[in-house]
Amino acid sequence: MVVGGWLPPLMVVVGMKREPTYRTGDPIREGDMVRIGEWDGVVETIITKEIAGWEDYWQEQGEGVMLTGPAFGRLYTSFDDEDLVLVQRKQQ
């Protein structure tokens, strides 16, 4: 039941998907230009429980992002990595 525009907390949470974010609270998007430590890279894939292969491989690693960059090739890191910083959004 909705009363005066208020929704009970369970109704707000049910069906909503948690969106991965940087430590700043900005949402992580594929194609974002990022810095991890001293390295520059790009978010290639966002890895969540919904991704194909989760149970076979990613479940052990946990949710995070796959990055690509000239200094490291491909690199996986968790969403909450303190060194993962958004530099610029992908140009549309």
C-alpha atoms as a PDB file:
ATOM      1  CA  MET A   1       0.000   0.000   0.000  1.00  0.00           C
ATOM      2  CA  VAL A   2       1.262   3.492  -0.874  1.00  0.00           C
ATOM      3  CA  VAL A   3       0.248   6.266   1.507  1.00  0.00           C
ATOM      4  CA  GLY A   4       1.120   9.859   0.699  1.00  0.00           C
ATOM      5  CA  GLY A   5       3.839   8.821  -1.754  1.00  0.00           C
ATOM      6  CA  TRP A   6       5.735   6.809   0.864  1.00  0.00           C
ATOM      7  CA  LEU A   7       6.807   3.254  -0.002  1.00  0.00           C
ATOM      8  CA  PRO A   8       7.654   0.737   2.694  1.00  0.00           C
ATOM      9  CA  PRO A   9      11.432   0.034   2.637  1.00  0.00           C
ATOM     10  CA  LEU A  10      10.992  -3.567   1.422  1.00  0.00           C
ATOM     11  CA  MET A  11       9.151  -2.387  -1.670  1.00  0.00           C
ATOM     12  CA  VAL A  12      11.901   0.063  -2.508  1.00  0.00           C
ATOM     13  CA  VAL A  13      14.631  -2.557  -2.214  1.00  0.00           C
ATOM     14  CA  VAL A  14      12.887  -5.503  -3.879  1.00  0.00           C
ATOM     15  CA  GLY A  15      13.844  -5.777  -7.529  1.00  0.00           C
ATOM     16  CA  MET A  16      16.475  -3.050  -7.402  1.00  0.00           C
ATOM     17  CA  LYS A  17      19.980  -3.914  -8.503  1.00  0.00           C
ATOM     18  CA  ARG A  18      22.940  -2.442  -6.640  1.00  0.00           C
ATOM     19  CA  GLU A  19      24.898  -0.315  -9.076  1.00  0.00           C
ATOM     20  CA  PRO A  20      28.704  -0.608  -8.843  1.00  0.00           C
ATOM     21  CA  THR A  21      30.370   2.678  -7.891  1.00  0.00           C
ATOM     22  CA  TYR A  22      33.790   4.191  -7.400  1.00  0.00           C
ATOM     23  CA  ARG A  23      34.714   5.166  -3.835  1.00  0.00           C
ATOM     24  CA  THR A  24      33.461   8.671  -4.677  1.00  0.00           C
ATOM     25  CA  GLY A  25      29.959   7.283  -5.267  1.00  0.00           C
ATOM     26  CA  ASP A  26      30.045   7.863  -9.047  1.00  0.00           C
ATOM     27  CA  PRO A  27      28.652   4.880 -10.983  1.00  0.00           C
ATOM     28  CA  ILE A  28      31.194   2.709 -12.810  1.00  0.00           C
ATOM     29  CA  ARG A  29      30.546   2.497 -16.570  1.00  0.00           C
ATOM     30  CA  GLU A  30      32.195   0.412 -19.292  1.00  0.00           C
ATOM     31  CA  GLY A  31      34.500   2.669 -21.296  1.00  0.00           C
ATOM     32  CA  ASP A  32      35.364   4.947 -18.342  1.00  0.00           C
ATOM     33  CA  MET A  33      38.943   6.182 -18.395  1.00  0.00           C
ATOM     34  CA  VAL A  34      40.449   5.426 -14.995  1.00  0.00           C
ATOM     35  CA  ARG A  35      43.670   5.533 -13.043  1.00  0.00           C
ATOM     36  CA  ILE A  36      44.732   2.694 -10.795  1.00  0.00           C
ATOM     37  CA  GLY A  37      47.784   3.697  -8.812  1.00  0.00           C
ATOM     38  CA  GLU A  38      50.148   5.242 -11.361  1.00  0.00           C
ATOM     39  CA  TRP A  39      48.616   3.413 -14.338  1.00  0.00           C
ATOM     40  CA  ASP A  40      46.015   4.696 -16.793  1.00  0.00           C
ATOM     41  CA  GLY A  41      43.396   2.335 -18.153  1.00  0.00           C
ATOM     42  CA  VAL A  42      39.847   1.816 -19.377  1.00  0.00           C
ATOM     43  CA  VAL A  43      37.002  -0.134 -17.790  1.00  0.00           C
ATOM     44  CA  GLU A  44      36.507  -3.058 -20.177  1.00  0.00           C
ATOM     45  CA  THR A  45      33.966  -5.158 -18.247  1.00  0.00           C
ATOM     46  CA  ILE A  46      31.934  -4.748 -15.077  1.00  0.00           C
ATOM     47  CA  ILE A  47      31.884  -8.080 -13.278  1.00  0.00           C
ATOM     48  CA  THR A  48      28.850  -8.823 -11.111  1.00  0.00           C
ATOM     49  CA  LYS A  49      27.024 -11.986 -10.060  1.00  0.00           C
ATOM     50  CA  GLU A  50      24.886 -11.704 -13.208  1.00  0.00           C
ATOM     51  CA  ILE A  51      27.829 -12.099 -15.632  1.00  0.00           C
ATOM     52  CA  ALA A  52      28.277 -15.322 -17.606  1.00  0.00           C
ATOM     53  CA  GLY A  53      30.872 -17.557 -15.964  1.00  0.00           C
ATOM     54  CA  TRP A  54      30.318 -16.135 -12.463  1.00  0.00           C
ATOM     55  CA  GLU A  55      30.153 -19.518 -10.728  1.00  0.00           C
ATOM     56  CA  ASP A  56      32.994 -21.038 -12.760  1.00  0.00           C
ATOM     57  CA  TYR A  57      35.551 -18.276 -12.305  1.00  0.00           C
ATOM     58  CA  TRP A  58      34.496 -14.899 -10.941  1.00  0.00           C
ATOM     59  CA  GLN A  59      32.806 -16.122  -7.755  1.00  0.00           C
ATOM     60  CA  GLU A  60      36.236 -16.722  -6.166  1.00  0.00           C
ATOM     61  CA  GLN A  61      37.457 -13.253  -7.201  1.00  0.00           C
ATOM     62  CA  GLY A  62      34.288 -11.390  -6.236  1.00  0.00           C
ATOM     63  CA  GLU A  63      32.601  -8.497  -7.987  1.00  0.00           C
ATOM     64  CA  GLY A  64      34.810  -5.899  -9.643  1.00  0.00           C
ATOM     65  CA  VAL A  65      36.060  -4.571 -12.966  1.00  0.00           C
ATOM     66  CA  MET A  66      38.362  -5.778 -15.727  1.00  0.00           C
ATOM     67  CA  LEU A  67      40.589  -2.952 -16.895  1.00  0.00           C
ATOM     68  CA  THR A  68      42.787  -2.633 -19.972  1.00  0.00           C
ATOM     69  CA  GLY A  69      45.814  -0.375 -20.213  1.00  0.00           C
ATOM     70  CA  PRO A  70      49.166  -0.043 -21.983  1.00  0.00           C
ATOM     71  CA  ALA A  71      51.215  -0.525 -18.801  1.00  0.00           C
ATOM     72  CA  PHE A  72      49.446  -3.690 -17.595  1.00  0.00           C
ATOM     73  CA  GLY A  73      47.438  -5.274 -20.443  1.00  0.00           C
ATOM     74  CA  ARG A  74      44.372  -6.595 -18.625  1.00  0.00           C
ATOM     75  CA  LEU A  75      43.886  -6.241 -14.881  1.00  0.00           C
ATOM     76  CA  TYR A  76      41.072  -7.267 -12.538  1.00  0.00           C
ATOM     77  CA  THR A  77      40.340  -5.283  -9.373  1.00  0.00           C
ATOM     78  CA  SER A  78      37.449  -5.015  -6.935  1.00  0.00           C
ATOM     79  CA  PHE A  79      34.975  -2.116  -6.975  1.00  0.00           C
ATOM     80  CA  ASP A  80      36.248  -0.844  -3.628  1.00  0.00           C
ATOM     81  CA  ASP A  81      39.942  -0.701  -4.613  1.00  0.00           C
ATOM     82  CA  GLU A  82      41.128   2.579  -3.076  1.00  0.00           C
ATOM     83  CA  ASP A  83      43.481   3.147  -6.030  1.00  0.00           C
ATOM     84  CA  LEU A  84      40.696   2.958  -8.652  1.00  0.00           C
ATOM     85  CA  VAL A  85      39.834   6.541  -9.671  1.00  0.00           C
ATOM     86  CA  LEU A  86      37.546   7.848 -12.420  1.00  0.00           C
ATOM     87  CA  VAL A  87      39.474  10.188 -14.753  1.00  0.00           C
ATOM     88  CA  GLN A  88      36.919  10.775 -17.511  1.00  0.00           C
ATOM     89  CA  ARG A  89      33.690   9.306 -18.820  1.00  0.00           C
ATOM     90  CA  LYS A  90      33.681   7.663 -22.238  1.00  0.00           C
ATOM     91  CA  GLN A  91      32.748  10.202 -24.904  1.00  0.00           C
ATOM     92  CA  GLN A  92      29.390   9.280 -26.425  1.00  0.00           C
END
